[in-house]
């Protein structure tokens, strides 16, 4: 392993310090972002949570369908009232 000073920049591990530092810093950020994504996916899409979320989605879909039918009925009533 070679280390030396060159042009006021510490050289080690086959590259200038700032080059290796920034390269490693970028790698750390990418890994950190990956870890955050994995944690979020595991928290929100676990084997226990997925069936619960599907059931909630089905319930919300039923509610939305009922509201859509109600809106259509109200629109028909408004159309009839405007004719009178």
Foldseek 3Di string as FASTA:
>chain_A
DDWDADPNFIDDDPGTPVVVVVVVVVVVVVVVVVVVVVVVCCVCPPPVNVVVVVVVVVVVVVVVVVVVVVVVVVVVVVVVVVVD
